């Protein structure tokens, strides 16, 4: 695995870039993390780094919250989806 690995699990986006890609704010991404919905990688300096897989999950979370689902409901939905897909 090198610096230019294109795997979807490679942490590569800082919080401001991740928020822009998802269409939300860094504040909301931190709230999603506090709610246990996402666990980004951390650098040695404790900077959050999001992978492409994290971005996909964040987009799903953001879409659900925009439809009025609260964070507890989002967590349940994601857990059910993961069980159904066998993850």
Protein backbone atom coordinates (compact mmCIF):
# COMPACT_ATOMS: atom_id res chain seq x y z
CA UNK A 1 0.00 0.00 0.00
CA UNK A 2 1.49 3.24 -1.07
CA UNK A 3 0.59 6.85 -0.79
CA UNK A 4 -1.41 6.66 -4.00
CA UNK A 5 -3.43 3.55 -3.11
CA UNK A 6 -6.92 3.88 -4.52
CA UNK A 7 -8.62 1.56 -2.01
CA UNK A 8 -11.89 2.81 -0.58
CA UNK A 9 -10.68 2.22 2.99
CA UNK A 10 -7.58 4.43 2.74
CA UNK A 11 -7.98 7.48 5.00
CA UNK A 12 -7.37 10.53 2.85
CA UNK A 13 -9.74 13.45 3.55
CA UNK A 14 -9.49 15.93 6.43
CA UNK A 15 -12.76 16.94 8.06
CA UNK A 16 -13.26 20.15 6.07
CA UNK A 17 -12.86 18.32 2.75
CA UNK A 18 -15.06 15.43 3.92
CA UNK A 19 -17.79 17.87 4.96
CA UNK A 20 -17.64 19.57 1.57
CA UNK A 21 -17.84 16.21 -0.25
CA UNK A 22 -20.87 15.20 1.82
CA UNK A 23 -22.59 18.58 1.60
CA UNK A 24 -22.63 19.33 5.32
CA UNK A 25 -20.50 20.99 7.99
CA UNK A 26 -17.54 19.77 10.03
CA UNK A 27 -19.70 20.39 13.11
CA UNK A 28 -22.24 17.81 11.90
CA UNK A 29 -19.50 15.29 11.14
CA UNK A 30 -18.25 15.65 14.71
CA UNK A 31 -21.82 15.12 15.96
CA UNK A 32 -22.12 11.96 13.86
CA UNK A 33 -18.88 10.74 15.43
CA UNK A 34 -20.09 11.52 18.97
CA UNK A 35 -23.29 9.57 18.21
CA UNK A 36 -21.20 6.55 17.22
CA UNK A 37 -22.23 6.65 13.56
CA UNK A 38 -18.72 7.03 12.12
CA UNK A 39 -15.19 6.43 13.37
CA UNK A 40 -12.67 8.18 11.14
CA UNK A 41 -8.99 7.27 11.28
CA UNK A 42 -6.70 9.61 13.20
CA UNK A 43 -3.20 10.84 12.46
CA UNK A 44 -0.50 10.89 15.11
CA UNK A 45 -1.51 14.52 15.64
CA UNK A 46 -5.14 13.41 16.24
CA UNK A 47 -6.45 14.88 12.97
CA UNK A 48 -9.49 13.04 11.60
CA UNK A 49 -9.04 11.39 8.20
CA UNK A 50 -12.00 10.01 6.26
CA UNK A 51 -11.83 7.27 3.62
CA UNK A 52 -14.00 6.94 0.53
CA UNK A 53 -16.04 4.30 2.41
CA UNK A 54 -16.51 6.83 5.25
CA UNK A 55 -17.71 9.42 2.72
CA UNK A 56 -20.29 6.95 1.36
CA UNK A 57 -21.52 6.26 4.90
CA UNK A 58 -21.62 9.97 5.72
CA UNK A 59 -23.70 10.66 2.62
CA UNK A 60 -26.17 7.97 3.74
CA UNK A 61 -26.29 9.46 7.26
CA UNK A 62 -26.76 12.96 5.88
CA UNK A 63 -29.56 11.83 3.54
CA UNK A 64 -31.41 10.16 6.42
CA UNK A 65 -31.10 13.17 8.71
CA UNK A 66 -32.31 15.47 5.93
CA UNK A 67 -35.43 13.29 5.75
CA UNK A 68 -36.04 13.95 9.44
CA UNK A 69 -34.55 10.80 10.98
CA UNK A 70 -32.84 11.55 14.30
CA UNK A 71 -29.34 10.20 15.02
CA UNK A 72 -30.62 7.32 17.16
CA UNK A 73 -32.90 6.30 14.28
CA UNK A 74 -30.04 6.61 11.80
CA UNK A 75 -27.94 4.30 13.97
CA UNK A 76 -30.70 1.67 14.00
CA UNK A 77 -31.22 1.91 10.25
CA UNK A 78 -27.51 1.56 9.55
CA UNK A 79 -27.23 -1.42 11.90
CA UNK A 80 -30.16 -3.14 10.18
CA UNK A 81 -28.69 -2.43 6.73
CA UNK A 82 -25.33 -3.84 7.80
CA UNK A 83 -26.94 -7.01 9.19
CA UNK A 84 -28.91 -7.45 5.99
CA UNK A 85 -25.80 -7.04 3.83
CA UNK A 86 -23.74 -9.33 6.06
CA UNK A 87 -21.13 -6.76 7.14
